[in-house]
Amino acid sequence: MSLDVVLCPLSARSPSSAEQVYVNYANNTNLDPMGFVPFGVISEADMAVVEAVYAGYGQDPDQDSIYNQGDAYLHSTYPLLTFITGTTVSR
């Protein structure tokens, strides 16, 4: 089993360098027209990394607050939130 990793714009309201990454656990082709673009695949062996991401906040973080206040909002309101601080691309 492998899962798509999707890069999505933080806000469709304006161009931004801020991005969010999420993992598709199902076929979500209905999101394609909205600009949610898959950019990778997570192998079954690497799912331990995904499962280690803190999920206790669920969908609670407010998207408008993230857009307007950025990391300051996330760090102060969601101290256990997992942040990706670096990446490696491999082929």
Protein backbone atom coordinates (compact mmCIF):
# COMPACT_ATOMS: atom_id res chain seq x y z
CA MET A 1 0.00 0.00 0.00
CA SER A 2 1.23 3.51 -0.77
CA LEU A 3 -0.36 6.90 -0.15
CA ASP A 4 -0.21 10.10 -2.15
CA VAL A 5 1.36 13.12 -0.54
CA VAL A 6 -0.36 16.29 -1.66
CA LEU A 7 0.89 19.87 -1.73
CA CYS A 8 -1.88 22.39 -1.38
CA PRO A 9 -1.99 26.17 -1.32
CA LEU A 10 -2.52 27.65 2.14
CA SER A 11 -5.09 29.98 0.67
CA ALA A 12 -6.82 30.14 -2.67
CA ARG A 13 -7.38 33.86 -2.04
CA SER A 14 -3.97 35.00 -3.20
CA PRO A 15 -0.63 33.61 -4.38
CA SER A 16 1.56 32.65 -1.45
CA SER A 17 4.77 30.81 -0.73
CA ALA A 18 3.10 29.32 2.36
CA GLU A 19 2.06 25.74 1.81
CA GLN A 20 0.50 22.90 3.74
CA VAL A 21 1.19 19.25 3.16
CA TYR A 22 -1.33 16.54 3.79
CA VAL A 23 -1.56 12.81 3.19
CA ASN A 24 -4.40 11.35 1.18
CA TYR A 25 -5.72 8.18 2.75
CA ALA A 26 -8.23 7.73 -0.08
CA ASN A 27 -8.75 8.69 -3.70
CA ASN A 28 -9.65 12.38 -3.58
CA THR A 29 -9.65 13.25 -7.28
CA ASN A 30 -12.57 15.57 -6.56
CA LEU A 31 -9.96 17.96 -5.08
CA ASP A 32 -7.90 18.09 -8.30
CA PRO A 33 -9.86 21.01 -9.86
CA MET A 34 -9.18 23.05 -6.69
CA GLY A 35 -5.41 22.89 -7.20
CA PHE A 36 -4.50 20.18 -4.70
CA VAL A 37 -1.55 18.67 -6.53
CA PRO A 38 -0.01 15.29 -5.55
CA PHE A 39 3.77 15.51 -5.51
CA GLY A 40 4.90 12.21 -4.03
CA VAL A 41 4.08 8.81 -2.64
CA ILE A 42 4.71 7.46 0.86
CA SER A 43 5.74 3.84 0.91
CA GLU A 44 4.36 1.42 3.46
CA ALA A 45 7.82 1.27 5.05
CA ASP A 46 7.80 5.05 5.62
CA MET A 47 4.32 5.20 7.15
CA ALA A 48 5.89 5.13 10.64
CA VAL A 49 7.02 8.70 10.01
CA VAL A 50 3.50 9.77 9.03
CA GLU A 51 2.00 8.00 12.02
CA ALA A 52 4.42 9.85 14.34
CA VAL A 53 2.92 13.23 13.34
CA TYR A 54 0.81 14.61 16.19
CA ALA A 55 -2.86 14.40 15.17
CA GLY A 56 -4.52 15.32 18.45
CA TYR A 57 -5.75 18.69 17.20
CA GLY A 58 -7.60 17.14 14.27
CA GLN A 59 -9.02 19.83 12.01
CA ASP A 60 -9.09 22.40 14.81
CA PRO A 61 -6.41 24.92 13.67
CA ASP A 62 -8.23 27.83 12.04
CA GLN A 63 -7.14 28.36 8.43
CA ASP A 64 -7.76 32.13 8.50
CA SER A 65 -5.63 32.50 11.63
CA ILE A 66 -2.87 30.44 10.04
CA TYR A 67 -3.02 32.65 6.94
CA ASN A 68 -3.06 35.91 8.92
CA GLN A 69 -0.75 35.08 11.85
CA GLY A 70 1.37 32.20 10.57
CA ASP A 71 3.69 30.27 12.86
CA ALA A 72 3.12 32.62 15.81
CA TYR A 73 -0.52 31.48 15.97
CA LEU A 74 0.37 27.81 15.56
CA HIS A 75 3.18 27.79 18.14
CA SER A 76 1.19 29.65 20.79
CA THR A 77 -2.14 27.87 20.31
CA TYR A 78 -0.98 24.36 19.37
CA PRO A 79 2.28 23.65 21.20
CA LEU A 80 2.23 19.92 20.37
CA LEU A 81 1.72 20.44 16.65
CA THR A 82 4.31 18.71 14.47
CA PHE A 83 6.31 21.02 12.19
CA ILE A 84 8.34 19.87 9.20
CA THR A 85 11.63 21.75 9.39
CA GLY A 86 13.42 20.14 6.47
CA THR A 87 13.00 17.69 3.65
CA THR A 88 15.05 15.44 1.40
CA VAL A 89 14.13 14.47 -2.12
CA SER A 90 15.20 11.05 -3.27
CA ARG A 91 14.71 9.16 -6.51
